[in-house]
């Protein structure tokens, strides 16, 4: 049986509980049906938290949201993609790039829905006290995750921890990035205290305390606080509940969803249930022959090629390259042996019926990322030739069919750091981590401008400025506030 968040009808429940919330990104109308008539019983909150999962699912279900904001921005994909509005070339403006505004609104919807749950759950009637704590933990987890995403992408944002009206929202001044991260940290810690170690039966796929711990560690890694990150990474590693997938393909195959490699994934289900995703379709071009073994139908006009820069990052014999990318497709009747496309999200068991009917889950946090972050933190605290950090990276490399790192070559902390950077790039290609890593390492400007020198990337026509490590605040949001003392544009835009 598929996970609970797949079969209870997320979209329907979200509409029931959060109807008419589209008018303003942060306001949930306090009408008699959606709030006052609900949020009283255990069943109400079970449905309400499903609505939060639905809003998170929506961020990943479409090819123009999460994909556009965090994959197109980096050097894994070829720039000049259709409908990117210059975002992949760092020439975008805040009026045209709708997916920036959609991402902002989607994350604030998660915050608002979580706030409603947290505001009302203590007074609700529950027959299962443990479930009450778990749902509170889920709400804290999602709110922390939303503020973390807003913080690293846009910088400091307005913070609020309770239901608010439109008028109240417009008076909440933008916080700093550090304050936004501190808020997310506090929520993650509350989630860790409340969430279960694991879910069973039809609840498998819901977030756990280890998902919260891993995401908190990711935030600490972003801030360069390696000791704190190690504390929470250790919790996940020592739980005994996770392990590296034996085959790299299993990290993405529908056959292995919610196994020991997956710490947290966005859940999807095919079968025209309304719970499928279209991201997989967006990876292959519209003109591709429907006889190709990766999809039974044409892809999207907005499909983006894997960059030559990315392809060159693979070492000879790296098995991950053929699992992640493909060439030799028949496109518009002609065999194309030049272009490469991403097939990491097309290992479907149940054949999707439409372009938006893919049931493959999208990983947010894999166990491989947990141990790779741990190895990186170990190295930052003190290089040890052939030590535990080497053992971790070499296990990942062995799965990819590669020889182990040689301490005689990777002979100090700086060289090991560079080895980690290379390994993370090929391991997590097109998983939304490359841009995050470039920003946290302070490498984004240098790497992207080197990328743009490649003939296929403009030959120096495009250029990233230092301020572009943050996205610009969407024009629609600035217009709604219309008060630069409360919400202002990021410097440089």
Protein backbone atom coordinates (compact mmCIF):
# COMPACT_ATOMS: atom_id res chain seq x y z
CA UNK A 1 0.00 0.00 0.00
CA UNK A 2 1.25 3.47 -0.83
CA UNK A 3 1.96 5.95 1.94
CA UNK A 4 -0.82 7.75 3.77
CA UNK A 5 0.04 11.10 2.27
CA UNK A 6 -0.54 9.60 -1.16
CA UNK A 7 -3.89 7.93 -0.83
CA UNK A 8 -5.95 10.17 1.44
CA UNK A 9 -6.49 12.75 -1.29
CA UNK A 10 -4.17 15.61 -0.49
CA UNK A 11 -5.49 18.11 -2.97
CA UNK A 12 -9.09 17.60 -1.90
CA UNK A 13 -8.28 17.96 1.78
CA UNK A 14 -6.14 20.99 1.23
CA UNK A 15 -8.98 22.69 -0.62
CA UNK A 16 -11.45 21.82 2.16
CA UNK A 17 -9.26 23.17 4.93
CA UNK A 18 -7.54 26.02 3.20
CA UNK A 19 -10.05 27.23 0.62
CA UNK A 20 -9.85 30.77 -0.72
CA UNK A 21 -6.32 31.31 0.58
CA UNK A 22 -4.90 32.28 -2.80
CA UNK A 23 -5.82 35.95 -2.56
CA UNK A 24 -2.89 36.72 -0.31
CA UNK A 25 0.02 34.42 0.29
CA UNK A 26 -0.11 34.47 4.08
CA UNK A 27 -3.73 34.91 5.02
CA UNK A 28 -5.93 31.95 5.85
CA UNK A 29 -9.55 33.17 5.94
CA UNK A 30 -11.23 32.53 9.26
CA UNK A 31 -14.52 31.49 7.71
CA UNK A 32 -16.89 29.20 9.59
CA UNK A 33 -16.14 26.13 7.51
CA UNK A 34 -12.38 26.18 7.05
CA UNK A 35 -11.32 27.10 10.58
CA UNK A 36 -13.99 27.67 13.20
CA UNK A 37 -15.93 24.64 12.05
CA UNK A 38 -12.80 22.51 12.00
CA UNK A 39 -9.55 22.14 13.98
CA UNK A 40 -11.32 20.48 16.90
CA UNK A 41 -10.85 16.72 16.64
CA UNK A 42 -8.11 14.22 15.92
CA UNK A 43 -9.61 13.57 12.50
CA UNK A 44 -9.57 17.30 11.75
CA UNK A 45 -5.86 17.57 12.47
CA UNK A 46 -5.03 14.40 10.60
CA UNK A 47 -6.61 15.99 7.56
CA UNK A 48 -5.04 19.38 8.29
CA UNK A 49 -1.50 18.03 8.37
CA UNK A 50 -2.23 16.21 5.11
CA UNK A 51 -2.94 19.64 3.65
CA UNK A 52 0.52 20.80 4.73
CA UNK A 53 2.09 17.81 3.01
CA UNK A 54 0.05 18.72 -0.05
CA UNK A 55 1.45 22.24 -0.14
CA UNK A 56 4.98 20.88 0.11
CA UNK A 57 4.22 18.34 -2.60
CA UNK A 58 3.08 21.17 -4.86
CA UNK A 59 6.54 22.76 -4.71
CA UNK A 60 8.06 19.68 -6.32
CA UNK A 61 5.24 18.37 -8.49
CA UNK A 62 5.71 20.94 -11.25
CA UNK A 63 8.73 21.37 -13.47
CA UNK A 64 8.68 25.16 -13.08
CA UNK A 65 9.06 25.63 -9.31
CA UNK A 66 11.70 23.81 -7.28
CA UNK A 67 13.36 22.71 -10.52
CA UNK A 68 13.63 26.20 -11.93
CA UNK A 69 14.71 27.89 -8.71
CA UNK A 70 17.46 25.54 -7.57
CA UNK A 71 18.51 23.36 -10.50
CA UNK A 72 18.50 25.80 -13.41
CA UNK A 73 20.49 28.31 -11.35
CA UNK A 74 23.53 26.04 -11.08
CA UNK A 75 26.01 24.65 -13.60
CA UNK A 76 24.51 21.15 -13.82
CA UNK A 77 22.19 22.27 -16.62
CA UNK A 78 22.84 24.09 -19.88
CA UNK A 79 21.77 27.71 -19.76
CA UNK A 80 19.24 29.15 -22.17
CA UNK A 81 16.42 26.82 -21.17
CA UNK A 82 12.96 27.62 -22.45
CA UNK A 83 10.76 29.47 -19.96
CA UNK A 84 13.70 30.18 -17.63
CA UNK A 85 13.30 33.92 -18.26
CA UNK A 86 17.06 34.40 -18.01
CA UNK A 87 17.18 32.93 -14.50
CA UNK A 88 19.81 30.42 -15.61
CA UNK A 89 21.81 33.24 -17.20
CA UNK A 90 21.51 35.63 -14.23
CA UNK A 91 19.69 38.16 -16.42
CA UNK A 92 16.20 37.72 -14.97
CA UNK A 93 13.95 40.44 -13.60
CA UNK A 94 11.51 40.03 -10.72
CA UNK A 95 8.46 40.82 -12.86
CA UNK A 96 8.88 38.06 -15.42
CA UNK A 97 10.14 35.20 -13.25
CA UNK A 98 6.82 33.84 -12.01
CA UNK A 99 8.35 30.77 -10.38
CA UNK A 100 10.21 32.99 -7.90
CA UNK A 101 6.91 34.42 -6.71
CA UNK A 102 5.27 31.00 -6.77
CA UNK A 103 8.06 29.56 -4.66
CA UNK A 104 7.79 32.39 -2.14
CA UNK A 105 4.02 32.02 -1.93
CA UNK A 106 4.16 28.24 -1.71
CA UNK A 107 6.58 28.32 1.22
CA UNK A 108 4.50 30.91 3.05
CA UNK A 109 1.41 28.78 2.57
CA UNK A 110 3.23 25.97 4.36
CA UNK A 111 4.05 28.40 7.16
CA UNK A 112 0.50 29.68 7.42
CA UNK A 113 -1.06 26.22 7.42
CA UNK A 114 1.43 25.02 10.03
CA UNK A 115 0.71 28.06 12.19
CA UNK A 116 -3.00 27.26 12.20
CA UNK A 117 -2.32 23.73 13.37
CA UNK A 118 0.07 24.82 16.11
CA UNK A 119 -2.29 27.57 17.25
CA UNK A 120 -5.24 25.21 17.74
CA UNK A 121 -3.97 21.72 18.38
CA UNK A 122 -3.49 21.99 22.15
CA UNK A 123 -7.19 22.67 22.65
CA UNK A 124 -8.28 19.86 20.35
CA UNK A 125 -9.74 16.50 21.40
CA UNK A 126 -7.41 13.58 20.63
CA UNK A 127 -7.90 9.92 21.46
CA UNK A 128 -4.23 9.27 20.69
CA UNK A 129 -1.93 11.57 22.71
CA UNK A 130 1.16 10.37 20.86
CA UNK A 131 -0.38 11.27 17.50
CA UNK A 132 -1.10 14.75 18.82
CA UNK A 133 2.58 15.24 19.56
CA UNK A 134 3.55 13.78 16.19
CA UNK A 135 1.32 16.17 14.26
CA UNK A 136 2.69 19.10 16.25
CA UNK A 137 6.16 17.87 15.36
CA UNK A 138 5.24 17.69 11.69
CA UNK A 139 3.92 21.25 11.76
CA UNK A 140 7.13 22.50 13.40
CA UNK A 141 9.17 20.53 10.89
CA UNK A 142 7.43 22.01 7.87
CA UNK A 143 7.46 25.54 9.24
CA UNK A 144 11.17 25.27 9.98
CA UNK A 145 11.80 23.83 6.54
CA UNK A 146 9.88 26.66 4.86
CA UNK A 147 11.78 29.37 6.74
CA UNK A 148 15.07 27.61 6.00
CA UNK A 149 14.27 27.52 2.28
CA UNK A 150 13.21 31.17 2.23
CA UNK A 151 16.27 32.17 4.23
CA UNK A 152 18.95 30.59 2.07
CA UNK A 153 17.26 31.55 -1.19
CA UNK A 154 15.99 35.07 -0.48
CA UNK A 155 17.82 36.13 2.70
CA UNK A 156 15.91 37.39 5.75
CA UNK A 157 12.12 37.31 5.47
CA UNK A 158 9.13 38.37 7.58
CA UNK A 159 8.72 35.93 10.49
CA UNK A 160 5.50 35.03 12.24
CA UNK A 161 4.54 32.09 14.40
CA UNK A 162 0.76 32.38 14.62
CA UNK A 163 -2.22 32.97 12.33
CA UNK A 164 -2.31 36.57 11.13
CA UNK A 165 -4.56 38.72 9.02
CA UNK A 166 -3.50 40.55 5.88
CA UNK A 167 -3.31 43.80 7.82
CA UNK A 168 -1.07 42.23 10.44
CA UNK A 169 1.20 40.65 7.85
CA UNK A 170 1.84 44.02 6.23
CA UNK A 171 3.25 45.30 9.53
CA UNK A 172 5.73 42.46 10.10
CA UNK A 173 9.13 43.78 9.13
CA UNK A 174 11.60 41.66 7.25
CA UNK A 175 14.12 39.92 9.55
CA UNK A 176 17.78 39.23 8.86
CA UNK A 177 18.95 35.96 7.32
CA UNK A 178 20.56 35.00 10.65
CA UNK A 179 17.27 35.61 12.49
CA UNK A 180 15.41 33.58 9.87
CA UNK A 181 17.82 30.68 10.31
CA UNK A 182 17.57 30.92 14.11
CA UNK A 183 13.79 30.65 13.83
CA UNK A 184 14.12 27.58 11.62
CA UNK A 185 16.62 26.01 14.02
CA UNK A 186 14.23 26.41 16.94
CA UNK A 187 11.42 24.78 14.94
CA UNK A 188 13.61 21.88 13.83
CA UNK A 189 14.62 21.25 17.45
CA UNK A 190 10.99 21.21 18.58
CA UNK A 191 10.21 18.80 15.76
CA UNK A 192 13.00 16.45 16.83
CA UNK A 193 11.56 16.34 20.34
CA UNK A 194 8.04 15.53 19.16
CA UNK A 195 8.34 13.39 16.03
CA UNK A 196 8.54 9.57 16.10
CA UNK A 197 11.69 7.71 15.13
CA UNK A 198 9.72 5.95 12.40
CA UNK A 199 6.21 5.52 11.04
CA UNK A 200 4.63 2.18 10.28
CA UNK A 201 2.08 0.78 7.88
CA UNK A 202 0.22 3.30 5.77
CA UNK A 203 1.94 6.19 7.57
CA UNK A 204 5.36 5.37 6.11
CA UNK A 205 6.64 8.40 4.22
CA UNK A 206 5.73 10.99 6.85
CA UNK A 207 8.60 12.98 8.35
CA UNK A 208 10.49 11.56 11.32
CA UNK A 209 12.75 12.97 14.01
CA UNK A 210 15.71 11.84 11.90
CA UNK A 211 14.49 13.77 8.88
CA UNK A 212 14.31 16.84 11.13
CA UNK A 213 17.78 16.14 12.53
CA UNK A 214 19.24 15.75 9.05
CA UNK A 215 17.66 18.97 7.81
CA UNK A 216 18.89 20.84 10.88
CA UNK A 217 22.38 19.51 10.16
CA UNK A 218 22.08 20.81 6.58
CA UNK A 219 21.30 24.26 7.95
CA UNK A 220 24.29 24.14 10.30
CA UNK A 221 26.52 23.05 7.41
CA UNK A 222 25.31 26.08 5.46
CA UNK A 223 26.38 28.30 8.34
CA UNK A 224 29.75 26.56 8.65
CA UNK A 225 28.89 25.36 12.15
CA UNK A 226 30.36 21.90 11.71
CA UNK A 227 30.36 20.76 15.33
CA UNK A 228 26.63 21.45 15.66
CA UNK A 229 26.00 19.71 12.34
CA UNK A 230 27.91 16.63 13.50
CA UNK A 231 25.72 16.35 16.58
CA UNK A 232 22.57 15.89 14.51
CA UNK A 233 24.19 13.88 11.73
CA UNK A 234 25.40 11.47 14.40
CA UNK A 235 21.82 11.01 15.60
CA UNK A 236 20.78 9.86 12.14
CA UNK A 237 23.82 7.65 11.60
CA UNK A 238 23.60 5.97 15.01
CA UNK A 239 19.85 5.37 14.74
CA UNK A 240 20.54 2.21 12.77
CA UNK A 241 17.55 2.91 10.53
CA UNK A 242 19.42 4.04 7.43
CA UNK A 243 22.05 2.71 5.05
CA UNK A 244 23.49 3.44 1.63
CA UNK A 245 21.56 1.86 -1.21
CA UNK A 246 23.50 -1.01 -2.75
CA UNK A 247 22.81 0.19 -6.29
CA UNK A 248 22.85 3.91 -7.13
CA UNK A 249 19.76 3.42 -9.28
CA UNK A 250 17.84 2.31 -6.19
CA UNK A 251 18.19 5.83 -4.77
CA UNK A 252 15.56 6.94 -7.30
CA UNK A 253 13.69 3.81 -8.38
CA UNK A 254 10.00 3.56 -7.53
CA UNK A 255 10.77 0.00 -6.40
CA UNK A 256 12.81 1.32 -3.45
CA UNK A 257 10.77 4.23 -2.15
CA UNK A 258 11.06 4.86 1.59
CA UNK A 259 13.84 2.31 2.01
CA UNK A 260 16.96 2.85 4.12
CA UNK A 261 18.52 5.32 1.64
CA UNK A 262 15.57 7.74 1.82
CA UNK A 263 15.55 9.90 4.94
CA UNK A 264 12.91 12.27 3.55
CA UNK A 265 11.22 12.26 0.14
CA UNK A 266 8.31 14.10 -1.42
CA UNK A 267 5.66 11.43 -1.93
CA UNK A 268 3.90 10.91 -5.26
CA UNK A 269 1.61 8.29 -6.74
CA UNK A 270 0.72 7.49 -10.34
CA UNK A 271 -2.60 6.11 -11.59
CA UNK A 272 -4.32 9.43 -12.33
CA UNK A 273 -5.10 9.94 -8.65
CA UNK A 274 -4.11 13.60 -8.80
CA UNK A 275 -1.00 12.77 -6.75
CA UNK A 276 1.49 12.43 -9.60
CA UNK A 277 4.32 14.75 -10.58
CA UNK A 278 5.44 16.22 -13.89
CA UNK A 279 9.07 16.88 -13.00
CA UNK A 280 10.20 13.61 -14.60
CA UNK A 281 8.58 14.61 -17.91
CA UNK A 282 10.36 17.94 -17.92
CA UNK A 283 13.73 16.22 -18.11
CA UNK A 284 13.22 14.96 -21.68
CA UNK A 285 12.37 17.06 -24.74
CA UNK A 286 8.98 17.42 -26.35
CA UNK A 287 10.34 16.28 -29.71
CA UNK A 288 11.75 12.98 -28.37
CA UNK A 289 10.33 9.81 -29.91
CA UNK A 290 7.68 8.18 -27.72
CA UNK A 291 9.37 4.84 -28.43
CA UNK A 292 12.28 5.77 -26.16
CA UNK A 293 12.62 3.47 -23.10
CA UNK A 294 12.50 6.33 -20.59
CA UNK A 295 9.05 7.78 -21.21
CA UNK A 296 5.98 6.50 -23.08
CA UNK A 297 5.15 9.97 -24.32
CA UNK A 298 6.83 13.21 -25.38
CA UNK A 299 8.52 15.42 -22.82
CA UNK A 300 8.27 19.17 -22.36
CA UNK A 301 9.27 22.09 -24.53
CA UNK A 302 10.97 23.47 -21.42
CA UNK A 303 13.32 20.47 -21.12
CA UNK A 304 16.90 21.47 -20.31
CA UNK A 305 20.04 19.62 -21.32
CA UNK A 306 22.65 18.39 -18.88
CA UNK A 307 25.62 20.73 -19.27
CA UNK A 308 28.92 19.67 -20.78
CA UNK A 309 30.49 21.03 -17.62
CA UNK A 310 28.47 18.51 -15.61
CA UNK A 311 29.31 15.64 -17.93
CA UNK A 312 33.02 16.44 -17.66
CA UNK A 313 32.81 16.17 -13.87
CA UNK A 314 32.32 12.39 -14.06
CA UNK A 315 35.47 10.32 -13.82
CA UNK A 316 35.94 7.55 -16.41
CA UNK A 317 33.99 4.48 -15.35
CA UNK A 318 31.62 6.32 -12.99
CA UNK A 319 28.40 4.28 -13.08
CA UNK A 320 26.38 7.28 -11.94
CA UNK A 321 26.78 8.96 -15.30
CA UNK A 322 24.75 6.38 -17.25
CA UNK A 323 22.14 6.20 -14.47
CA UNK A 324 21.74 9.99 -14.37
CA UNK A 325 22.11 10.99 -18.02
CA UNK A 326 21.34 9.68 -21.48
CA UNK A 327 22.21 10.56 -25.05
CA UNK A 328 21.34 8.99 -28.39
CA UNK A 329 17.62 9.81 -28.32
CA UNK A 330 15.67 10.20 -31.52
CA UNK A 331 14.51 13.80 -31.55
CA UNK A 332 12.28 15.15 -34.33
CA UNK A 333 13.07 11.99 -36.29
CA UNK A 334 16.85 12.39 -36.06
CA UNK A 335 19.30 10.52 -33.85
CA UNK A 336 20.90 13.01 -31.45
CA UNK A 337 24.25 11.81 -30.05
CA UNK A 338 25.32 15.25 -28.83
CA UNK A 339 22.68 16.26 -26.29
CA UNK A 340 22.46 14.68 -22.85
CA UNK A 341 19.30 14.58 -20.78
CA UNK A 342 18.59 13.68 -17.15
CA UNK A 343 16.88 10.29 -16.59
CA UNK A 344 17.42 10.07 -12.82
CA UNK A 345 13.68 10.46 -12.21
CA UNK A 346 12.31 8.07 -14.81
CA UNK A 347 12.86 4.69 -13.11
CA UNK A 348 9.12 4.08 -12.82
CA UNK A 349 7.52 0.72 -12.04
CA UNK A 350 3.94 1.75 -12.78
CA UNK A 351 3.84 3.30 -16.24
CA UNK A 352 2.53 6.87 -15.95
CA UNK A 353 -0.57 7.55 -18.00
CA UNK A 354 0.12 11.22 -18.65
CA UNK A 355 3.01 13.67 -18.47
CA UNK A 356 1.97 14.71 -14.94
CA UNK A 357 1.24 11.22 -13.62
CA UNK A 358 4.69 10.10 -12.45
CA UNK A 359 4.71 8.24 -9.13
CA UNK A 360 8.44 8.46 -8.46
CA UNK A 361 9.19 10.21 -5.20
CA UNK A 362 11.63 13.11 -5.23
CA UNK A 363 14.29 12.87 -2.50
CA UNK A 364 14.82 15.90 -0.27
CA UNK A 365 17.35 14.18 1.99
CA UNK A 366 19.16 10.93 1.22
CA UNK A 367 21.28 8.97 3.65
CA UNK A 368 24.22 9.40 1.30
CA UNK A 369 23.94 13.14 1.91
CA UNK A 370 23.92 12.53 5.66
CA UNK A 371 27.21 10.62 5.62
CA UNK A 372 28.79 12.93 3.05
CA UNK A 373 28.00 15.96 5.23
CA UNK A 374 29.44 14.06 8.19
CA UNK A 375 32.66 13.33 6.28
CA UNK A 376 32.90 17.00 5.29
CA UNK A 377 32.40 18.11 8.90
CA UNK A 378 35.04 15.66 10.11
CA UNK A 379 37.54 17.05 7.62
CA UNK A 380 36.78 20.66 8.53
CA UNK A 381 37.43 19.87 12.20
CA UNK A 382 40.70 18.10 11.43
CA UNK A 383 42.10 16.21 8.46
CA UNK A 384 43.05 12.58 9.12
CA UNK A 385 44.79 10.70 6.30
CA UNK A 386 42.84 7.52 5.60
CA UNK A 387 40.49 8.25 8.51
CA UNK A 388 36.73 7.92 8.89
CA UNK A 389 36.00 10.68 6.38
CA UNK A 390 38.00 8.78 3.75
CA UNK A 391 36.13 5.58 4.55
CA UNK A 392 32.77 7.27 4.03
CA UNK A 393 33.67 8.85 0.70
CA UNK A 394 35.31 5.67 -0.52
CA UNK A 395 32.15 3.65 0.21
CA UNK A 396 30.17 6.09 -1.94
CA UNK A 397 32.80 5.87 -4.67
CA UNK A 398 32.83 2.08 -4.54
CA UNK A 399 29.09 2.04 -5.26
CA UNK A 400 29.84 4.19 -8.31
CA UNK A 401 32.51 1.73 -9.49
CA UNK A 402 35.42 4.07 -8.69
CA UNK A 403 38.74 3.53 -6.97
CA UNK A 404 39.15 4.86 -3.41
CA UNK A 405 40.70 8.23 -2.66
CA UNK A 406 44.43 7.93 -2.07
CA UNK A 407 45.68 9.74 1.07
CA UNK A 408 49.01 10.21 -0.70
CA UNK A 409 47.21 12.34 -3.30
CA UNK A 410 44.41 13.78 -1.18
CA UNK A 411 46.99 14.70 1.39
CA UNK A 412 45.57 17.58 3.43
CA UNK A 413 42.35 19.25 4.48
CA UNK A 414 42.13 21.55 1.46
CA UNK A 415 42.57 18.67 -0.99
CA UNK A 416 40.03 16.55 0.81
CA UNK A 417 37.61 19.48 0.75
CA UNK A 418 38.00 19.71 -3.02
CA UNK A 419 37.48 15.94 -3.30
CA UNK A 420 34.24 16.24 -1.31
CA UNK A 421 33.07 19.03 -3.59
CA UNK A 422 33.67 16.92 -6.70
CA UNK A 423 32.02 13.89 -5.16
CA UNK A 424 28.93 15.79 -4.05
CA UNK A 425 28.48 17.24 -7.50
CA UNK A 426 28.30 13.91 -9.33
CA UNK A 427 26.45 12.09 -6.54
CA UNK A 428 23.67 14.67 -6.23
CA UNK A 429 23.41 15.86 -9.83
CA UNK A 430 19.96 17.40 -10.49
CA UNK A 431 18.81 16.82 -6.90
CA UNK A 432 18.65 20.52 -6.03
CA UNK A 433 21.81 20.53 -3.91
CA UNK A 434 24.41 21.93 -6.31
CA UNK A 435 23.33 25.58 -6.09
CA UNK A 436 22.94 25.29 -2.31
CA UNK A 437 26.46 23.84 -2.05
CA UNK A 438 28.00 26.51 -4.27
CA UNK A 439 26.46 29.25 -2.15
CA UNK A 440 27.46 27.76 1.20
CA UNK A 441 31.03 27.10 0.04
CA UNK A 442 31.38 30.64 -1.26
CA UNK A 443 32.14 29.22 -4.72
CA UNK A 444 29.07 30.37 -6.65
CA UNK A 445 30.47 33.48 -8.36
CA UNK A 446 33.74 31.87 -9.42
CA UNK A 447 32.21 28.58 -10.57
CA UNK A 448 29.33 30.12 -12.49
CA UNK A 449 31.51 32.63 -14.29
CA UNK A 450 33.91 29.87 -15.29
CA UNK A 451 30.87 27.90 -16.47
CA UNK A 452 29.70 30.80 -18.64
CA UNK A 453 33.06 30.89 -20.45
CA UNK A 454 32.26 27.54 -22.09
CA UNK A 455 31.20 27.93 -25.75
CA UNK A 456 27.92 26.09 -25.07
CA UNK A 457 27.15 28.45 -22.18
CA UNK A 458 27.60 31.73 -24.00
CA UNK A 459 31.38 32.00 -24.27
CA UNK A 460 31.51 34.77 -21.66
CA UNK A 461 28.30 36.50 -22.70
CA UNK A 462 26.76 35.99 -19.27
CA UNK A 463 28.12 36.90 -15.87
CA UNK A 464 27.13 36.38 -12.25
CA UNK A 465 27.47 39.28 -9.82
CA UNK A 466 28.24 38.65 -6.12
CA UNK A 467 24.85 39.88 -4.95
CA UNK A 468 23.14 37.17 -6.99
CA UNK A 469 23.90 34.50 -4.41
CA UNK A 470 20.48 35.58 -3.13
CA UNK A 471 17.39 35.63 -5.32
CA UNK A 472 15.60 38.91 -5.69
CA UNK A 473 12.43 39.47 -3.69
CA UNK A 474 9.53 38.91 -6.12
CA UNK A 475 8.04 42.08 -7.53
CA UNK A 476 4.54 40.90 -6.64
CA UNK A 477 5.47 40.75 -2.95
CA UNK A 478 7.11 44.17 -2.95
CA UNK A 479 3.98 45.56 -4.59
CA UNK A 480 1.69 44.01 -2.01
CA UNK A 481 3.62 45.50 0.87
CA UNK A 482 4.41 48.77 -0.94
CA UNK A 483 6.53 49.77 2.05
CA UNK A 484 10.30 49.50 1.81
CA UNK A 485 10.63 49.97 5.56
CA UNK A 486 8.85 46.61 5.99
CA UNK A 487 9.88 44.61 2.90
CA UNK A 488 12.69 45.77 0.63
CA UNK A 489 14.58 44.43 -2.34
CA UNK A 490 17.88 42.63 -1.87
CA UNK A 491 20.91 44.82 -2.59
CA UNK A 492 22.12 44.88 -6.18
CA UNK A 493 18.74 44.29 -7.82
